[in-house]
Amino acid sequence: QRYVAEHGTVIDYPGTERISNSELLEMECTVLVPAALEGQISEDNADRIRARIIAEGANGPTTPNADKVLADKGVFIIPDILCNAGGVTVSYFEWVQSLQSFFWSEEDVNRQMERLMVNGFDAVLHEAERKRLVPRMAAYTLAIARVAEALELRGVYP
């Protein structure tokens, strides 16, 4: 913290070595979290990704062609539609609280978010196993089914 306060950055911190984005993505690791830009993992570099799990913190960090390469290599991908849904979920909680003029504690928000995220992950994993899909397709399948059910119950133009 002192170094950052003095220099305004972690760049050139003693004992560190700069690497490129591609070197970072291709490092051997258990979990890779691409969390900034879209399309960072593509068919051009997917075969060099050495992570066992990819947790997509960014929107669309993995291209469809890379998805296939990674699936063939046995890489488990937690898709962006699931992995980075916490922020939008909490935004929904804020909207609900404002609408009802009833405010939750931070502990309540965290507990509800964790419950929804864990349940969502479990549902996607179950759907993937049941239908033999990659998690991304399972997440899309569940999302489409939920929207279709809501439209059927509510009507397209209520």
Protein backbone atom coordinates (compact mmCIF):
# COMPACT_ATOMS: atom_id res chain seq x y z
CA GLN A 1 0.00 0.00 0.00
CA ARG A 2 2.87 2.34 0.75
CA TYR A 3 4.35 1.75 -2.72
CA VAL A 4 1.04 2.57 -4.41
CA ALA A 5 0.61 5.68 -2.24
CA GLU A 6 4.09 6.87 -3.25
CA HIS A 7 4.00 5.90 -6.94
CA GLY A 8 0.30 5.84 -7.78
CA THR A 9 0.64 2.39 -9.38
CA VAL A 10 1.90 -1.16 -8.84
CA ILE A 11 3.88 -1.04 -12.09
CA ASP A 12 7.58 -1.72 -11.46
CA TYR A 13 6.94 -2.89 -7.89
CA PRO A 14 10.23 -4.41 -6.63
CA GLY A 15 10.52 -8.14 -7.26
CA THR A 16 7.88 -8.22 -9.98
CA GLU A 17 8.09 -8.80 -13.70
CA ARG A 18 5.84 -7.33 -16.37
CA ILE A 19 4.01 -9.75 -18.63
CA SER A 20 1.68 -9.21 -21.57
CA ASN A 21 -2.05 -9.87 -21.48
CA SER A 22 -1.57 -12.95 -23.64
CA GLU A 23 1.11 -14.29 -21.27
CA LEU A 24 -1.26 -13.75 -18.36
CA LEU A 25 -4.13 -15.57 -20.08
CA GLU A 26 -1.87 -18.47 -21.04
CA MET A 27 -0.25 -19.01 -17.62
CA GLU A 28 -0.78 -22.36 -15.97
CA CYS A 29 -3.38 -21.91 -13.24
CA THR A 30 -6.39 -23.60 -11.72
CA VAL A 31 -8.86 -20.73 -12.21
CA LEU A 32 -8.59 -17.97 -14.81
CA VAL A 33 -10.88 -14.97 -14.34
CA PRO A 34 -11.01 -12.81 -17.49
CA ALA A 35 -12.71 -9.77 -16.00
CA ALA A 36 -12.18 -6.80 -18.28
CA LEU A 37 -12.62 -7.07 -22.03
CA GLU A 38 -14.79 -8.96 -24.47
CA GLY A 39 -13.25 -11.54 -26.81
CA GLN A 40 -9.97 -12.03 -24.93
CA ILE A 41 -10.09 -15.80 -25.38
CA SER A 42 -10.53 -16.68 -29.03
CA GLU A 43 -9.73 -19.54 -31.37
CA ASP A 44 -6.33 -17.88 -31.79
CA ASN A 45 -5.27 -18.52 -28.18
CA ALA A 46 -7.77 -21.05 -26.77
CA ASP A 47 -5.45 -23.99 -27.40
CA ARG A 48 -2.77 -22.27 -25.27
CA ILE A 49 -5.06 -21.59 -22.28
CA ARG A 50 -3.85 -23.82 -19.44
CA ALA A 51 -6.47 -23.05 -16.78
CA ARG A 52 -8.72 -25.89 -15.61
CA ILE A 53 -11.59 -23.50 -14.85
CA ILE A 54 -12.52 -20.19 -16.47
CA ALA A 55 -14.79 -17.92 -14.42
CA GLU A 56 -16.00 -15.24 -16.82
CA GLY A 57 -16.05 -11.99 -14.86
CA ALA A 58 -16.30 -9.89 -18.04
CA ASN A 59 -19.13 -9.88 -20.56
CA GLY A 60 -18.29 -12.18 -23.46
CA PRO A 61 -14.59 -12.77 -22.78
CA THR A 62 -14.68 -16.09 -24.65
CA THR A 63 -15.69 -16.31 -28.30
CA PRO A 64 -17.98 -19.13 -29.50
CA ASN A 65 -15.14 -20.77 -31.45
CA ALA A 66 -12.91 -20.69 -28.37
CA ASP A 67 -15.73 -22.27 -26.35
CA LYS A 68 -15.52 -25.38 -28.53
CA VAL A 69 -11.73 -25.61 -28.28
CA LEU A 70 -11.86 -25.23 -24.50
CA ALA A 71 -14.70 -27.75 -24.12
CA ASP A 72 -12.73 -30.27 -26.17
CA LYS A 73 -9.79 -29.72 -23.78
CA GLY A 74 -12.04 -30.32 -20.76
CA VAL A 75 -11.88 -26.75 -19.44
CA PHE A 76 -14.86 -25.97 -17.20
CA ILE A 77 -16.29 -22.53 -18.00
CA ILE A 78 -18.55 -20.65 -15.60
CA PRO A 79 -20.28 -18.51 -18.24
CA ASP A 80 -20.55 -14.75 -17.97
CA ILE A 81 -24.34 -14.87 -17.87
CA LEU A 82 -23.97 -16.66 -14.52
CA CYS A 83 -20.55 -15.72 -13.18
CA ASN A 84 -20.86 -11.95 -13.32
CA ALA A 85 -24.57 -11.71 -12.47
CA GLY A 86 -23.96 -10.53 -8.91
CA GLY A 87 -23.81 -6.84 -9.81
CA VAL A 88 -27.05 -6.79 -11.74
CA THR A 89 -28.68 -8.92 -9.04
CA VAL A 90 -27.79 -6.38 -6.37
CA SER A 91 -29.02 -3.59 -8.68
CA TYR A 92 -32.35 -5.41 -8.78
CA PHE A 93 -32.33 -5.59 -4.97
CA GLU A 94 -31.74 -1.82 -4.85
CA TRP A 95 -34.69 -1.24 -7.19
CA VAL A 96 -36.97 -3.47 -5.09
CA GLN A 97 -35.94 -1.71 -1.88
CA SER A 98 -36.53 1.71 -3.41
CA LEU A 99 -39.91 0.65 -4.80
CA GLN A 100 -41.05 -0.65 -1.42
CA SER A 101 -39.30 1.98 0.73
CA PHE A 102 -37.97 -0.93 2.75
CA PHE A 103 -34.23 -1.20 3.14
CA TRP A 104 -32.15 -4.29 3.78
CA SER A 105 -28.94 -4.54 5.74
CA GLU A 106 -25.72 -5.29 3.88
CA GLU A 107 -25.82 -8.72 5.51
CA ASP A 108 -29.33 -9.35 4.10
CA VAL A 109 -28.25 -8.24 0.62
CA ASN A 110 -25.17 -10.48 0.71
CA ARG A 111 -27.17 -13.45 2.00
CA GLN A 112 -29.84 -13.07 -0.72
CA MET A 113 -27.23 -12.57 -3.45
CA GLU A 114 -25.30 -15.65 -2.32
CA ARG A 115 -28.50 -17.70 -2.23
CA LEU A 116 -29.47 -16.68 -5.77
CA MET A 117 -25.95 -17.14 -7.17
CA VAL A 118 -25.47 -20.57 -5.57
CA ASN A 119 -28.94 -21.71 -6.66
CA GLY A 120 -28.26 -20.40 -10.16
CA PHE A 121 -24.95 -22.24 -10.36
CA ASP A 122 -26.54 -25.45 -9.08
CA ALA A 123 -29.38 -25.16 -11.62
CA VAL A 124 -26.96 -24.57 -14.51
CA LEU A 125 -24.74 -27.47 -13.45
CA HIS A 126 -27.75 -29.78 -13.10
CA GLU A 127 -29.11 -28.73 -16.52
CA ALA A 128 -25.68 -29.21 -18.11
CA GLU A 129 -25.37 -32.71 -16.69
CA ARG A 130 -28.98 -33.66 -17.44
CA LYS A 131 -28.86 -32.53 -21.07
CA ARG A 132 -25.13 -33.10 -21.64
CA LEU A 133 -24.52 -29.44 -22.44
CA VAL A 134 -21.64 -27.12 -21.70
CA PRO A 135 -22.55 -24.75 -18.85
CA ARG A 136 -23.03 -21.76 -21.20
CA MET A 137 -25.68 -23.59 -23.25
CA ALA A 138 -27.31 -24.85 -20.06
CA ALA A 139 -27.48 -21.28 -18.71
CA TYR A 140 -29.01 -20.04 -21.98
CA THR A 141 -31.49 -22.93 -22.00
CA LEU A 142 -32.66 -22.11 -18.48
CA ALA A 143 -32.85 -18.38 -19.21
CA ILE A 144 -34.92 -18.88 -22.36
CA ALA A 145 -37.24 -21.32 -20.58
CA ARG A 146 -37.80 -18.81 -17.76
CA VAL A 147 -38.57 -15.97 -20.17
CA ALA A 148 -40.92 -18.21 -22.16
CA GLU A 149 -42.72 -19.26 -18.97
CA ALA A 150 -43.08 -15.64 -17.84
CA LEU A 151 -44.48 -14.61 -21.22
CA GLU A 152 -46.91 -17.50 -21.17
CA LEU A 153 -48.13 -16.67 -17.66
CA ARG A 154 -48.22 -12.92 -18.14
CA GLY A 155 -49.08 -12.71 -21.81
CA VAL A 156 -46.97 -10.99 -24.42
CA TYR A 157 -48.92 -7.71 -24.18
CA PRO A 158 -50.73 -7.65 -20.83
